[in-house]
Amino acid sequence: MNTLKTLFLLTVLTLILVYAGRLIGGTGGMAFALVLAVVMNVGAYWFSDRIALRMAGARPVSEADAPQLYRIVGDLARQASLPMPKVYLIEQAAPNAFATGRDPQHAVVAVTAGILDLVSERELRAVLAHELGHVQNRDTLVMAIVASLAGAISYLAQMAQWAMIFGGRGGDDDERGNALGMLVGIIVLPIAALLVQLAISRSREYGADDSGAELSRDPLALASALRKMNAYSKQVPLQVNPSTSSLFIVQPLIPGVMTSLFSTHPPIEARIARLEQRAGAVLGG
């Protein structure tokens, strides 16, 4: 069901992109929009991991630098029949983690220094299982594609804005109608694309919670880690570019009055409740 929902939302995002192209340039604009989407998706496929790691300030660490981290990641990767991911560290006190990479063969797991100090080994194992769940479910590629499509829509909206500014002002009803349609598109389409992007991101987080709980066989440890990270992150925000916020297991604190509406993650309370319910079902079963 989660995969079908993601495919449906990706289709909606693609239709928004095509409509944005049509709004700007008719049939030719639709073709341009599709070409733009292909170019941006190819770029996201090959370079999204490097871009994300650079923007997060992550650096590679060796097994000698972080033996516990390597041991846990290696154990979980073998258990999930995945290749050993590269391991990166973010030198920040806020506890968090994310995974990236276009496929399991090029996967990267990154954690902050803060999470290593905050959580127990049992909780760290559950968090890393969540991240490998993203790798297992191919979420890292899906979210890169989603981000590129949303970026293409925003780019077309900006093109439409400049076209309205420099395209002159027509006087007849048809031209006024076209201008009104473009104005609505400039405002509405990027917001619609963002909401679809957020819906996909939230869906993938629930899926990774489920996969991580199954892989670690310890949903309560993941619930406990989420509770700790959420509480700590409110005191020490993670200094990160907002465009990378959807990658992290706990959404970095970003100031703003519309935080709940434009959250890239489901509510922590809902995630914890699902994990606790899952643990209860396992114990009861």
Protein backbone atom coordinates (compact mmCIF):
# COMPACT_ATOMS: atom_id res chain seq x y z
CA MET A 1 0.00 0.00 0.00
CA ASN A 2 2.84 2.39 0.86
CA THR A 3 4.49 1.77 -2.53
CA LEU A 4 1.21 2.32 -4.41
CA LYS A 5 0.64 5.57 -2.53
CA THR A 6 4.15 6.76 -3.44
CA LEU A 7 3.67 5.87 -7.12
CA PHE A 8 0.35 7.72 -7.16
CA LEU A 9 1.89 10.83 -5.60
CA LEU A 10 4.85 10.71 -8.00
CA THR A 11 2.34 10.61 -10.86
CA VAL A 12 0.54 13.62 -9.41
CA LEU A 13 3.86 15.47 -9.12
CA THR A 14 4.69 14.68 -12.76
CA LEU A 15 1.26 15.91 -13.92
CA ILE A 16 1.79 19.16 -11.98
CA LEU A 17 5.12 19.58 -13.77
CA VAL A 18 3.59 18.97 -17.21
CA TYR A 19 0.73 21.37 -16.47
CA ALA A 20 3.23 24.01 -15.34
CA GLY A 21 5.01 23.63 -18.68
CA ARG A 22 1.75 23.92 -20.58
CA LEU A 23 0.83 27.03 -18.63
CA ILE A 24 4.04 28.73 -19.73
CA GLY A 25 4.42 27.58 -23.32
CA GLY A 26 1.56 25.39 -24.45
CA THR A 27 2.57 22.11 -26.15
CA GLY A 28 6.16 23.26 -26.49
CA GLY A 29 6.23 24.11 -22.79
CA MET A 30 5.02 20.62 -21.91
CA ALA A 31 7.87 19.10 -23.93
CA PHE A 32 10.35 21.44 -22.25
CA ALA A 33 9.02 20.46 -18.83
CA LEU A 34 9.51 16.76 -19.55
CA VAL A 35 13.07 17.34 -20.84
CA LEU A 36 13.83 19.43 -17.74
CA ALA A 37 12.51 16.65 -15.51
CA VAL A 38 14.73 14.07 -17.25
CA VAL A 39 17.83 16.25 -16.91
CA MET A 40 17.20 16.99 -13.23
CA ASN A 41 16.40 13.34 -12.45
CA VAL A 42 19.64 12.19 -14.10
CA GLY A 43 21.53 14.77 -12.05
CA ALA A 44 19.75 13.66 -8.87
CA TYR A 45 20.51 9.99 -9.64
CA TRP A 46 24.25 10.55 -9.98
CA PHE A 47 24.99 13.43 -7.61
CA SER A 48 22.28 13.64 -4.92
CA ASP A 49 24.34 11.77 -2.31
CA ARG A 50 27.39 14.02 -2.72
CA ILE A 51 25.25 17.13 -2.61
CA ALA A 52 23.40 15.99 0.53
CA LEU A 53 26.60 15.03 2.37
CA ARG A 54 28.29 18.31 1.50
CA MET A 55 25.27 20.36 2.57
CA ALA A 56 25.07 18.44 5.86
CA GLY A 57 28.78 18.97 6.56
CA ALA A 58 29.39 15.21 6.80
CA ARG A 59 32.84 13.65 6.59
CA PRO A 60 33.80 9.99 6.06
CA VAL A 61 35.07 8.05 9.06
CA SER A 62 37.04 4.81 9.16
CA GLU A 63 36.40 1.73 11.24
CA ALA A 64 39.30 2.75 13.46
CA ASP A 65 37.64 6.13 14.08
CA ALA A 66 34.20 4.70 14.98
CA PRO A 67 34.44 0.95 15.74
CA GLN A 68 31.04 0.69 17.48
CA LEU A 69 29.28 2.48 14.66
CA TYR A 70 30.94 0.29 12.01
CA ARG A 71 30.15 -2.88 13.94
CA ILE A 72 26.44 -2.07 14.26
CA VAL A 73 26.06 -0.93 10.64
CA GLY A 74 27.92 -4.02 9.43
CA ASP A 75 25.80 -6.40 11.51
CA LEU A 76 22.55 -4.83 10.32
CA ALA A 77 23.68 -4.74 6.68
CA ARG A 78 24.52 -8.47 6.78
CA GLN A 79 21.21 -9.22 8.46
CA ALA A 80 19.35 -7.28 5.75
CA SER A 81 21.48 -8.82 2.95
CA LEU A 82 22.71 -5.35 1.96
CA PRO A 83 26.23 -4.25 0.97
CA MET A 84 28.14 -2.43 3.72
CA PRO A 85 27.27 1.29 3.38
CA LYS A 86 29.85 4.02 3.67
CA VAL A 87 29.79 5.67 7.09
CA TYR A 88 29.92 9.44 7.63
CA LEU A 89 29.97 11.66 10.73
CA ILE A 90 28.47 15.14 11.19
CA GLU A 91 30.28 17.11 13.90
CA GLN A 92 27.20 18.57 15.57
CA ALA A 93 25.76 18.12 19.07
CA ALA A 94 22.14 17.75 17.91
CA PRO A 95 21.32 14.01 17.70
CA ASN A 96 20.26 12.86 14.24
CA ALA A 97 21.02 10.52 11.35
CA PHE A 98 20.21 10.01 7.67
CA ALA A 99 20.87 7.71 4.73
CA THR A 100 21.50 8.63 1.11
CA GLY A 101 22.71 7.04 -2.12
CA ARG A 102 21.08 6.05 -5.40
CA ASP A 103 20.99 2.31 -4.60
CA PRO A 104 22.17 -0.16 -1.92
CA GLN A 105 25.55 -0.51 -3.67
CA HIS A 106 26.18 3.23 -3.24
CA ALA A 107 24.48 3.77 0.12
CA VAL A 108 25.78 6.10 2.80
CA VAL A 109 24.75 6.27 6.45
CA ALA A 110 25.55 9.50 8.30
CA VAL A 111 25.13 10.22 12.00
CA THR A 112 25.80 13.26 14.13
CA ALA A 113 28.33 13.21 16.96
CA GLY A 114 25.44 14.09 19.29
CA ILE A 115 23.50 10.88 18.69
CA LEU A 116 26.51 8.79 19.68
CA ASP A 117 26.58 10.57 23.04
CA LEU A 118 22.82 10.58 23.67
CA VAL A 119 21.42 7.13 22.89
CA SER A 120 22.29 3.67 24.18
CA GLU A 121 23.79 1.02 21.90
CA ARG A 122 20.41 -0.68 21.71
CA GLU A 123 18.74 2.58 20.61
CA LEU A 124 21.56 3.38 18.17
CA ARG A 125 21.08 -0.04 16.58
CA ALA A 126 17.36 0.70 16.12
CA VAL A 127 18.10 4.13 14.57
CA LEU A 128 20.62 2.64 12.14
CA ALA A 129 18.13 -0.11 11.29
CA HIS A 130 15.65 2.66 10.37
CA GLU A 131 18.25 4.22 8.05
CA LEU A 132 19.03 0.88 6.43
CA GLY A 133 15.27 0.49 6.03
CA HIS A 134 15.38 3.59 3.82
CA VAL A 135 18.16 1.97 1.79
CA GLN A 136 16.29 -1.35 1.58
CA ASN A 137 13.09 0.39 0.44
CA ARG A 138 14.96 2.53 -2.13
CA ASP A 139 13.67 5.66 -0.40
CA THR A 140 16.95 7.47 -0.95
CA LEU A 141 16.43 7.35 -4.73
CA VAL A 142 12.70 8.08 -4.51
CA MET A 143 13.26 11.22 -2.43
CA ALA A 144 16.00 12.42 -4.78
CA ILE A 145 13.58 12.09 -7.72
CA VAL A 146 10.83 13.82 -5.76
CA ALA A 147 13.14 16.70 -4.88
CA SER A 148 14.22 17.09 -8.51
CA LEU A 149 10.61 17.14 -9.77
CA ALA A 150 9.61 19.67 -7.13
CA GLY A 151 12.66 21.74 -8.04
CA ALA A 152 11.70 21.66 -11.73
CA ILE A 153 8.20 22.88 -10.89
CA SER A 154 9.59 25.75 -8.83
CA TYR A 155 11.93 26.64 -11.71
CA LEU A 156 9.04 26.73 -14.19
CA ALA A 157 7.02 28.89 -11.79
CA GLN A 158 9.90 31.35 -11.67
CA MET A 159 10.06 31.34 -15.47
CA ALA A 160 6.34 32.12 -15.61
CA GLN A 161 6.84 34.97 -13.15
CA TRP A 162 9.54 36.57 -15.29
CA ALA A 163 7.45 35.98 -18.43
CA MET A 164 4.59 37.93 -16.85
CA ILE A 165 6.90 40.76 -15.84
CA PHE A 166 8.59 41.17 -19.22
CA GLY A 167 5.95 39.71 -21.51
CA GLY A 168 3.93 42.87 -21.81
CA ARG A 169 0.34 43.56 -20.83
CA GLY A 170 -2.33 42.56 -23.28
CA GLY A 171 -5.62 44.32 -23.40
CA ASP A 172 -8.08 41.74 -24.68
CA ASP A 173 -10.03 39.22 -22.65
CA ASP A 174 -8.01 36.19 -23.84
CA GLU A 175 -4.70 37.77 -22.83
CA ARG A 176 -6.12 38.84 -19.48
CA GLY A 177 -7.41 35.28 -18.94
CA ASN A 178 -4.01 33.80 -19.80
CA ALA A 179 -2.30 36.23 -17.43
CA LEU A 180 -4.70 35.29 -14.65
CA GLY A 181 -4.10 31.60 -15.29
CA MET A 182 -0.33 32.10 -15.14
CA LEU A 183 -0.64 34.10 -11.93
CA VAL A 184 -2.67 31.34 -10.29
CA GLY A 185 -0.13 28.78 -11.53
CA ILE A 186 2.81 30.76 -10.13
CA ILE A 187 1.21 30.76 -6.68
CA VAL A 188 -0.61 27.44 -6.54
CA LEU A 189 1.61 24.95 -8.42
CA PRO A 190 4.76 25.23 -6.24
CA ILE A 191 2.62 24.90 -3.10
CA ALA A 192 0.84 21.85 -4.53
CA ALA A 193 4.20 20.30 -5.46
CA LEU A 194 5.53 20.95 -1.97
CA LEU A 195 2.52 19.34 -0.33
CA VAL A 196 2.87 16.24 -2.54
CA GLN A 197 6.60 16.12 -1.73
CA LEU A 198 5.84 16.27 1.98
CA ALA A 199 3.18 13.55 1.71
CA ILE A 200 5.69 11.22 0.03
CA SER A 201 8.36 12.02 2.62
CA ARG A 202 6.00 11.29 5.53
CA SER A 203 4.88 8.04 3.93
CA ARG A 204 8.49 6.89 3.48
CA GLU A 205 9.29 7.69 7.13
CA TYR A 206 6.50 5.44 8.34
CA GLY A 207 7.77 2.72 6.01
CA ALA A 208 11.34 3.05 7.31
CA ASP A 209 10.06 2.90 10.90
CA ASP A 210 8.36 -0.39 10.07
CA SER A 211 11.39 -1.78 8.22
CA GLY A 212 13.76 -0.64 10.96
CA ALA A 213 11.63 -2.19 13.70
CA GLU A 214 11.54 -5.47 11.77
CA LEU A 215 15.29 -5.42 11.10
CA SER A 216 16.30 -4.57 14.67
CA ARG A 217 13.48 -6.67 16.17
CA ASP A 218 13.19 -3.90 18.75
CA PRO A 219 10.48 -1.31 17.97
CA LEU A 220 10.54 0.00 21.55
CA ALA A 221 14.22 0.91 21.20
CA LEU A 222 13.42 2.98 18.10
CA ALA A 223 10.49 4.62 19.92
CA SER A 224 12.77 5.47 22.85
CA ALA A 225 15.45 6.91 20.55
CA LEU A 226 12.90 9.05 18.70
CA ARG A 227 11.60 10.40 22.00
CA LYS A 228 15.11 11.31 23.19
CA MET A 229 16.18 12.88 19.88
CA ASN A 230 13.00 14.90 19.57
CA ALA A 231 13.33 16.33 23.08
CA TYR A 232 17.03 17.11 22.69
CA SER A 233 16.65 18.64 19.22
CA LYS A 234 14.25 21.23 20.63
CA GLN A 235 17.02 22.42 22.93
CA VAL A 236 19.94 22.17 20.48
CA PRO A 237 18.72 22.64 16.87
CA LEU A 238 20.70 21.00 14.08
CA GLN A 239 22.38 23.65 11.92
CA VAL A 240 21.49 22.37 8.47
CA ASN A 241 20.20 23.63 5.14
CA PRO A 242 16.37 23.29 5.17
CA SER A 243 16.45 21.53 1.79
CA THR A 244 18.09 18.50 3.45
CA SER A 245 15.66 18.30 6.39
CA SER A 246 13.60 15.49 4.83
CA LEU A 247 16.62 13.19 4.93
CA PHE A 248 17.00 13.06 8.70
CA ILE A 249 15.27 10.57 11.00
CA VAL A 250 14.02 13.45 13.16
CA GLN A 251 13.16 16.66 11.34
CA PRO A 252 15.63 19.40 12.29
CA LEU A 253 14.01 22.30 14.11
CA ILE A 254 13.27 25.02 11.54
CA PRO A 255 11.73 28.27 12.81
CA GLY A 256 8.43 29.27 11.22
CA VAL A 257 4.74 29.56 11.92
CA MET A 258 3.79 26.90 9.34
CA THR A 259 6.08 24.18 10.71
CA SER A 260 3.35 21.59 11.28
CA LEU A 261 1.74 22.08 7.87
CA PHE A 262 5.04 21.95 5.98
CA SER A 263 6.67 19.25 8.10
CA THR A 264 8.64 16.67 6.14
CA HIS A 265 8.03 14.06 8.86
CA PRO A 266 4.96 12.59 10.55
CA PRO A 267 4.41 13.75 14.14
CA ILE A 268 6.89 12.08 16.49
CA GLU A 269 4.02 11.15 18.84
CA ALA A 270 2.26 9.26 16.02
CA ARG A 271 5.45 7.42 15.06
CA ILE A 272 6.13 6.42 18.67
CA ALA A 273 2.52 5.24 19.12
CA ARG A 274 2.77 3.05 16.00
CA LEU A 275 6.03 1.51 17.21
CA GLU A 276 4.66 0.85 20.67
CA GLN A 277 1.55 -0.70 19.15
CA ARG A 278 3.78 -2.87 16.94
CA ALA A 279 5.76 -3.99 20.00
CA GLY A 280 2.55 -4.83 21.83
CA ALA A 281 1.30 -6.89 18.89
CA VAL A 282 4.58 -8.81 18.77
CA LEU A 283 4.49 -9.50 22.51
CA GLY A 284 0.84 -10.42 22.39
CA GLY A 285 1.24 -12.61 19.35
